[in-house]
Amino acid sequence: MFSGISMQVFAIVNGNISPYVLDPNFSHKLPTIPSEVGYVNFTWRSKKRYYYNFDTLTSSDPKVLKPPLLSIKTQGRVPKMSKEFSIFLPCMGNVSGVATFEIGLVLKNGRGIPLKGTPLRLNLKKECAQRGVYLERTGPDPECDKKCANQGWCNSEKICQCPEGYMGQHCRTALCYPQCMNGGNCTAPGVCSCPPGYQGRHCEGGICSQKCLNGGKCIQKDTCECPKGYYGLHCEFSKCVIPCLNGGRCKGVNKCRCPAGLGGNHCEVGRRGGECARACRHGVCRAGVCRCEPGWRGRYCHRNYGGSKARDIRAEDQTQECNMGDA
């Protein structure tokens, strides 16, 4: 929130806690929450029935930071529709420093069984600054202001007060959340400068010097993610030793996905009924369409008309046969 960027975190995927949330280094990848920020907002939802319990809300240094407070009940059900809640981080107000606070979250399914990997334990850092009248600016101090970058200014204690999105002794550290990936640098609030070979808002996407072929997707620097049936640095090789014929596409080892009307491992043979996907039960396939015999209908001529219409058709056929017999 304090860098102007929101982040989607899928804590549960198919009933399992996401591996990166369980990663012990997950908390270390998050920046220290600056003194200017007193709370953090979260938005959550779950289509399935899950119950939550914030069983831990503690501060490692109560002299600097009070225990976190929730804007919602500590126990309840994860809402079906997206709802927002806040975690307040109240500093003591008369001490400066950085304190670690812990948030513990237990998640249970509809049967009341804790999910594997819970309780989640997140340890985050919060910066607190001494507050009071003496921190307010009593007058301009141009010489002191010069050392504060990015429009920061000096208070009466000659400490730089940073604008939103910057932190550090001289306000030279920009905040990016999530942090820039793959060696990218945060050059402005929410702006990552990416190294060669990477792109995206957080440098999360790769750039491939050669295009990924056959529907492949560039996921990292010069690394392609290939669809089923293809492999190679650029997805240039097919797993079908014999190429798929007649517009078919390789879907596995020597197996092709064939267009309608064709079959075989390599789409080399036509199916029954000519070019029709299925055989015409009471008709003949013409140009991929079943031409039905009198009294039959449906895509594959598998349904009779029934009722008076069918009787009229049968009567007409019998009349024609009698006339032919008389002749």
Protein backbone atom coordinates (compact mmCIF):
# COMPACT_ATOMS: atom_id res chain seq x y z
CA MET A 1 0.00 0.00 0.00
CA PHE A 2 2.73 2.47 0.97
CA SER A 3 4.41 2.17 -2.45
CA GLY A 4 1.17 2.42 -4.39
CA ILE A 5 1.26 -1.19 -5.60
CA SER A 6 -1.08 -3.99 -4.64
CA MET A 7 -0.02 -7.64 -4.75
CA GLN A 8 -2.16 -10.75 -5.16
CA VAL A 9 -1.03 -13.55 -2.86
CA PHE A 10 -2.77 -16.88 -3.39
CA ALA A 11 -2.25 -18.34 0.08
CA ILE A 12 -4.27 -21.47 -0.76
CA VAL A 13 -4.26 -23.20 -4.15
CA ASN A 14 -6.31 -26.39 -4.58
CA GLY A 15 -6.49 -26.85 -0.82
CA ASN A 16 -2.72 -26.50 -0.27
CA ILE A 17 -0.71 -23.61 1.15
CA SER A 18 1.39 -21.98 -1.59
CA PRO A 19 5.07 -23.00 -1.32
CA TYR A 20 6.38 -19.43 -1.52
CA VAL A 21 4.25 -18.42 1.47
CA LEU A 22 5.79 -21.28 3.46
CA ASP A 23 9.27 -20.27 2.35
CA PRO A 24 11.17 -19.13 5.50
CA ASN A 25 12.71 -16.31 3.43
CA PHE A 26 9.31 -14.97 2.30
CA SER A 27 9.18 -12.38 5.10
CA HIS A 28 12.78 -11.30 4.45
CA LYS A 29 11.88 -10.37 0.87
CA LEU A 30 9.39 -7.77 2.08
CA PRO A 31 10.61 -4.24 2.83
CA THR A 32 10.52 -2.64 6.28
CA ILE A 33 7.26 -0.77 6.77
CA PRO A 34 8.28 2.90 7.17
CA SER A 35 7.34 5.09 10.12
CA GLU A 36 4.88 7.11 8.02
CA VAL A 37 2.63 4.04 7.63
CA GLY A 38 0.44 3.13 10.58
CA TYR A 39 -1.58 0.29 9.05
CA VAL A 40 -1.63 -2.14 6.13
CA ASN A 41 -4.76 -3.09 4.21
CA PHE A 42 -5.57 -6.59 2.97
CA THR A 43 -8.32 -7.78 0.67
CA TRP A 44 -9.26 -11.46 0.74
CA ARG A 45 -11.88 -13.90 -0.50
CA SER A 46 -12.38 -17.65 -0.96
CA LYS A 47 -14.99 -19.45 -3.03
CA LYS A 48 -14.60 -22.55 -0.86
CA ARG A 49 -15.48 -22.72 2.84
CA TYR A 50 -12.44 -21.83 4.97
CA TYR A 51 -12.23 -20.64 8.55
CA TYR A 52 -9.49 -18.44 9.96
CA ASN A 53 -7.99 -17.74 13.38
CA PHE A 54 -5.35 -15.08 14.01
CA ASP A 55 -3.77 -16.91 16.95
CA THR A 56 -0.65 -14.72 17.18
CA LEU A 57 -0.38 -10.92 17.12
CA THR A 58 2.78 -9.96 18.97
CA SER A 59 5.60 -7.40 18.94
CA SER A 60 9.21 -8.30 19.59
CA ASP A 61 9.83 -4.95 21.28
CA PRO A 62 6.73 -3.55 23.04
CA LYS A 63 8.74 -0.46 24.06
CA VAL A 64 8.90 0.54 20.38
CA LEU A 65 5.81 -1.10 18.84
CA LYS A 66 2.59 -2.23 20.46
CA PRO A 67 1.06 -5.59 19.38
CA PRO A 68 -0.76 -5.40 16.02
CA LEU A 69 -4.52 -4.80 16.06
CA LEU A 70 -7.15 -6.14 13.65
CA SER A 71 -10.13 -4.28 12.22
CA ILE A 72 -12.03 -7.60 12.15
CA LYS A 73 -12.65 -10.40 14.65
CA THR A 74 -9.69 -12.65 15.31
CA GLN A 75 -11.78 -15.70 14.34
CA GLY A 76 -14.36 -16.29 11.64
CA ARG A 77 -14.97 -17.44 8.10
CA VAL A 78 -13.02 -16.20 5.08
CA PRO A 79 -15.61 -14.20 3.07
CA LYS A 80 -16.92 -15.43 -0.27
CA MET A 81 -16.87 -11.93 -1.76
CA SER A 82 -13.81 -9.67 -1.67
CA LYS A 83 -13.62 -7.79 1.63
CA GLU A 84 -10.98 -5.51 3.05
CA PHE A 85 -9.53 -5.54 6.54
CA SER A 86 -6.67 -3.67 8.18
CA ILE A 87 -3.82 -4.55 10.51
CA PHE A 88 -2.92 -1.53 12.63
CA LEU A 89 0.69 -1.12 13.75
CA PRO A 90 0.67 1.29 16.70
CA CYS A 91 4.06 2.75 17.60
CA MET A 92 4.65 3.85 21.19
CA GLY A 93 5.31 7.39 19.95
CA ASN A 94 8.20 8.31 22.23
CA VAL A 95 10.89 5.89 21.01
CA SER A 96 12.59 5.51 17.64
CA GLY A 97 13.66 2.15 16.26
CA VAL A 98 12.71 -0.89 14.22
CA ALA A 99 10.66 -3.70 15.78
CA THR A 100 9.67 -7.08 14.42
CA PHE A 101 6.04 -8.11 14.75
CA GLU A 102 4.58 -11.58 14.20
CA ILE A 103 1.24 -12.50 12.67
CA GLY A 104 0.05 -16.07 13.08
CA LEU A 105 -2.86 -17.34 10.99
CA VAL A 106 -4.55 -20.74 11.27
CA LEU A 107 -6.68 -21.85 8.30
CA LYS A 108 -9.18 -24.71 8.48
CA ASN A 109 -11.41 -26.35 5.92
CA GLY A 110 -15.16 -26.83 6.25
CA ARG A 111 -14.65 -29.92 8.40
CA GLY A 112 -12.56 -27.98 10.90
CA ILE A 113 -9.28 -29.67 9.95
CA PRO A 114 -6.24 -27.33 9.81
CA LEU A 115 -4.72 -27.13 6.36
CA LYS A 116 -1.28 -28.60 5.89
CA GLY A 117 1.30 -25.88 6.38
CA THR A 118 -0.72 -23.87 8.88
CA PRO A 119 -0.47 -21.98 11.10
CA LEU A 120 1.21 -19.42 8.88
CA ARG A 121 3.85 -17.39 10.67
CA LEU A 122 4.81 -14.04 9.14
CA ASN A 123 7.54 -11.93 10.75
CA LEU A 124 7.61 -8.39 9.41
CA LYS A 125 9.53 -5.27 10.39
CA LYS A 126 8.08 -1.88 11.31
CA GLU A 127 10.00 1.37 11.67
CA CYS A 128 8.90 3.76 14.42
CA ALA A 129 10.03 7.36 14.83
CA GLN A 130 9.91 9.50 17.93
CA ARG A 131 6.89 11.77 17.74
CA GLY A 132 6.20 15.14 19.33
CA VAL A 133 6.27 18.87 18.81
CA TYR A 134 10.04 18.85 18.64
CA LEU A 135 9.87 16.78 15.42
CA GLU A 136 7.85 19.42 13.63
CA ARG A 137 9.58 21.86 11.38
CA THR A 138 9.94 25.18 13.14
CA GLY A 139 11.34 27.04 10.17
CA PRO A 140 13.22 26.61 6.89
CA ASP A 141 16.70 25.14 7.05
CA PRO A 142 18.03 25.24 3.46
CA GLU A 143 21.46 23.88 4.33
CA CYS A 144 20.03 20.84 6.11
CA ASP A 145 17.38 20.31 3.43
CA LYS A 146 20.09 19.90 0.80
CA LYS A 147 21.09 16.51 2.21
CA CYS A 148 17.48 15.23 2.04
CA ALA A 149 16.78 13.86 -1.44
CA ASN A 150 13.50 13.42 -3.31
CA GLN A 151 11.84 16.50 -1.77
CA GLY A 152 12.50 15.40 1.79
CA TRP A 153 13.02 18.06 4.45
CA CYS A 154 14.72 18.42 7.81
CA ASN A 155 12.88 18.65 11.10
CA SER A 156 14.12 20.54 14.13
CA GLU A 157 16.26 17.55 15.09
CA LYS A 158 17.95 17.75 11.66
CA ILE A 159 16.47 14.39 10.65
CA CYS A 160 15.14 13.96 7.11
CA GLN A 161 11.38 13.54 6.85
CA CYS A 162 10.69 11.58 3.67
CA PRO A 163 7.74 11.90 1.28
CA GLU A 164 5.53 8.89 0.63
CA GLY A 165 7.34 6.18 -1.33
CA TYR A 166 10.84 6.96 0.01
CA MET A 167 12.72 6.01 3.13
CA GLY A 168 16.25 5.96 4.58
CA GLN A 169 18.48 8.43 6.36
CA HIS A 170 18.46 10.84 3.42
CA CYS A 171 15.29 9.65 1.64
CA ARG A 172 17.30 8.06 -1.14
CA THR A 173 15.75 4.59 -0.94
CA ALA A 174 12.64 4.13 -3.08
CA LEU A 175 10.04 1.57 -2.06
CA CYS A 176 8.87 -1.15 -4.44
CA TYR A 177 6.39 -3.77 -3.28
CA PRO A 178 6.75 -6.53 -4.26
CA GLN A 179 10.49 -6.11 -4.49
CA CYS A 180 12.12 -6.00 -7.92
CA MET A 181 12.97 -9.49 -9.10
CA ASN A 182 15.86 -11.00 -11.05
CA GLY A 183 18.36 -8.33 -10.03
CA GLY A 184 16.15 -5.33 -10.83
CA ASN A 185 16.61 -2.02 -8.98
CA CYS A 186 13.86 0.10 -7.45
CA THR A 187 14.55 3.52 -9.01
CA ALA A 188 11.30 5.25 -7.98
CA PRO A 189 8.27 4.33 -5.86
CA GLY A 190 6.74 1.29 -7.53
CA VAL A 191 9.13 1.51 -10.53
CA CYS A 192 11.70 -1.21 -11.23
CA SER A 193 14.67 -0.84 -13.55
CA CYS A 194 15.25 -4.29 -15.05
CA PRO A 195 18.59 -5.85 -16.06
CA PRO A 196 19.10 -7.00 -19.65
CA GLY A 197 16.93 -9.98 -20.50
CA TYR A 198 14.04 -9.15 -18.15
CA GLN A 199 10.91 -7.07 -18.33
CA GLY A 200 7.64 -6.44 -16.51
CA ARG A 201 6.49 -4.22 -13.67
CA HIS A 202 8.62 -6.13 -11.19
CA CYS A 203 11.15 -7.57 -13.70
CA GLU A 204 9.30 -10.86 -13.37
CA GLY A 205 9.13 -11.61 -17.11
CA GLY A 206 11.92 -12.77 -19.37
CA ILE A 207 13.00 -11.62 -22.80
CA CYS A 208 13.97 -14.32 -25.27
CA SER A 209 16.50 -13.28 -27.90
CA GLN A 210 14.84 -15.78 -30.26
CA LYS A 211 11.08 -16.13 -30.46
CA CYS A 212 9.48 -19.15 -28.78
CA LEU A 213 7.99 -21.34 -31.50
CA ASN A 214 4.90 -23.53 -31.74
CA GLY A 215 2.94 -21.60 -29.12
CA GLY A 216 5.75 -21.50 -26.55
CA LYS A 217 5.88 -18.73 -23.92
CA CYS A 218 8.94 -16.80 -22.77
CA ILE A 219 9.04 -17.12 -18.95
CA GLN A 220 12.65 -16.19 -18.11
CA LYS A 221 15.67 -14.84 -19.92
CA ASP A 222 16.10 -16.99 -23.04
CA THR A 223 13.89 -19.67 -21.48
CA CYS A 224 10.74 -20.89 -23.22
CA GLU A 225 7.87 -22.82 -21.67
CA CYS A 226 6.75 -25.25 -24.36
CA PRO A 227 3.23 -26.59 -24.94
CA LYS A 228 2.55 -30.31 -24.85
CA GLY A 229 4.21 -32.17 -27.68
CA TYR A 230 7.14 -29.76 -28.15
CA TYR A 231 10.57 -29.30 -26.60
CA GLY A 232 13.87 -27.56 -27.19
CA LEU A 233 15.40 -24.21 -26.21
CA HIS A 234 12.85 -22.42 -28.37
CA CYS A 235 10.21 -25.20 -28.57
CA GLU A 236 11.46 -25.89 -32.08
CA PHE A 237 11.36 -29.68 -31.84
CA SER A 238 8.26 -31.81 -32.02
CA LYS A 239 7.85 -35.00 -30.00
CA CYS A 240 6.16 -36.50 -33.06
CA VAL A 241 8.98 -38.16 -35.04
CA ILE A 242 6.58 -38.48 -37.97
CA PRO A 243 5.03 -35.02 -38.51
CA CYS A 244 1.29 -34.63 -37.99
CA LEU A 245 -0.48 -34.56 -41.35
CA ASN A 246 -3.51 -32.71 -42.70
CA GLY A 247 -3.38 -29.85 -40.19
CA GLY A 248 -2.94 -31.99 -37.06
CA ARG A 249 -0.93 -30.80 -34.05
CA CYS A 250 1.43 -32.82 -31.90
CA LYS A 251 0.00 -33.40 -28.41
CA GLY A 252 2.41 -36.00 -27.04
CA VAL A 253 5.04 -38.56 -27.98
CA ASN A 254 4.07 -39.56 -31.54
CA LYS A 255 0.43 -38.64 -30.93
CA CYS A 256 -1.41 -35.98 -32.90
CA ARG A 257 -4.57 -34.00 -32.27
CA CYS A 258 -6.45 -34.34 -35.54
CA PRO A 259 -9.06 -32.10 -37.14
CA ALA A 260 -12.61 -33.38 -37.57
CA GLY A 261 -12.92 -36.24 -40.03
CA LEU A 262 -9.38 -37.55 -39.62
CA GLY A 263 -7.83 -40.16 -37.33
CA GLY A 264 -4.71 -42.19 -36.72
CA ASN A 265 -1.62 -41.30 -34.69
CA HIS A 266 -0.55 -38.88 -37.41
CA CYS A 267 -3.96 -37.86 -38.84
CA GLU A 268 -3.18 -39.97 -41.89
CA VAL A 269 -6.51 -41.78 -42.20
CA GLY A 270 -10.08 -40.66 -42.68
CA ARG A 271 -12.82 -41.88 -40.38
CA ARG A 272 -15.93 -43.78 -41.33
CA GLY A 273 -18.37 -41.76 -43.30
CA GLY A 274 -15.79 -39.90 -45.40
CA GLU A 275 -14.83 -36.56 -43.87
CA CYS A 276 -17.51 -36.57 -41.16
CA ALA A 277 -16.34 -36.76 -37.54
CA ARG A 278 -18.64 -39.75 -36.97
CA ALA A 279 -20.25 -42.25 -39.29
CA CYS A 280 -23.63 -41.31 -40.74
CA ARG A 281 -25.99 -44.04 -39.43
CA HIS A 282 -28.76 -43.58 -41.98
CA GLY A 283 -27.19 -41.41 -44.61
CA VAL A 284 -24.12 -40.58 -46.65
CA CYS A 285 -21.33 -38.11 -45.82
CA ARG A 286 -20.95 -35.31 -48.35
CA ALA A 287 -18.33 -32.55 -47.83
CA GLY A 288 -18.24 -33.18 -44.09
CA VAL A 289 -22.04 -33.14 -43.65
CA CYS A 290 -24.37 -36.14 -43.30
CA ARG A 291 -27.07 -36.29 -45.98
CA CYS A 292 -29.86 -38.27 -44.34
CA GLU A 293 -32.15 -40.88 -45.83
CA PRO A 294 -35.90 -40.08 -45.86
CA GLY A 295 -37.38 -40.31 -42.37
CA TRP A 296 -34.10 -39.64 -40.56
CA ARG A 297 -32.60 -36.47 -39.15
CA GLY A 298 -29.84 -35.24 -36.81
CA ARG A 299 -26.16 -34.44 -37.26
CA TYR A 300 -25.39 -38.09 -37.89
CA CYS A 301 -28.82 -39.18 -39.22
CA HIS A 302 -29.41 -41.08 -36.00
CA ARG A 303 -32.91 -39.82 -35.18
CA ASN A 304 -36.12 -40.67 -37.02
CA TYR A 305 -38.89 -38.15 -37.42
CA GLY A 306 -41.59 -40.25 -35.69
CA GLY A 307 -45.33 -39.46 -35.63
CA SER A 308 -47.43 -38.63 -38.68
CA LYS A 309 -44.55 -37.14 -40.62
CA ALA A 310 -42.67 -40.45 -40.55
CA ARG A 311 -45.83 -42.34 -41.54
CA ASP A 312 -46.35 -39.97 -44.47
CA ILE A 313 -42.78 -40.57 -45.61
CA ARG A 314 -43.15 -44.35 -45.31
CA ALA A 315 -46.50 -44.18 -47.15
CA GLU A 316 -44.93 -42.13 -49.89
CA ASP A 317 -42.12 -44.68 -50.25
CA GLN A 318 -44.66 -47.54 -50.42
CA THR A 319 -46.69 -45.70 -53.08
CA GLN A 320 -43.58 -45.20 -55.16
CA GLU A 321 -42.74 -48.92 -54.83
CA CYS A 322 -46.30 -49.93 -55.86
CA ASN A 323 -46.22 -47.65 -58.86
CA MET A 324 -42.90 -49.08 -59.88
CA GLY A 325 -44.36 -52.60 -59.48
CA ASP A 326 -47.38 -51.79 -61.64
CA ALA A 327 -45.08 -50.41 -64.26
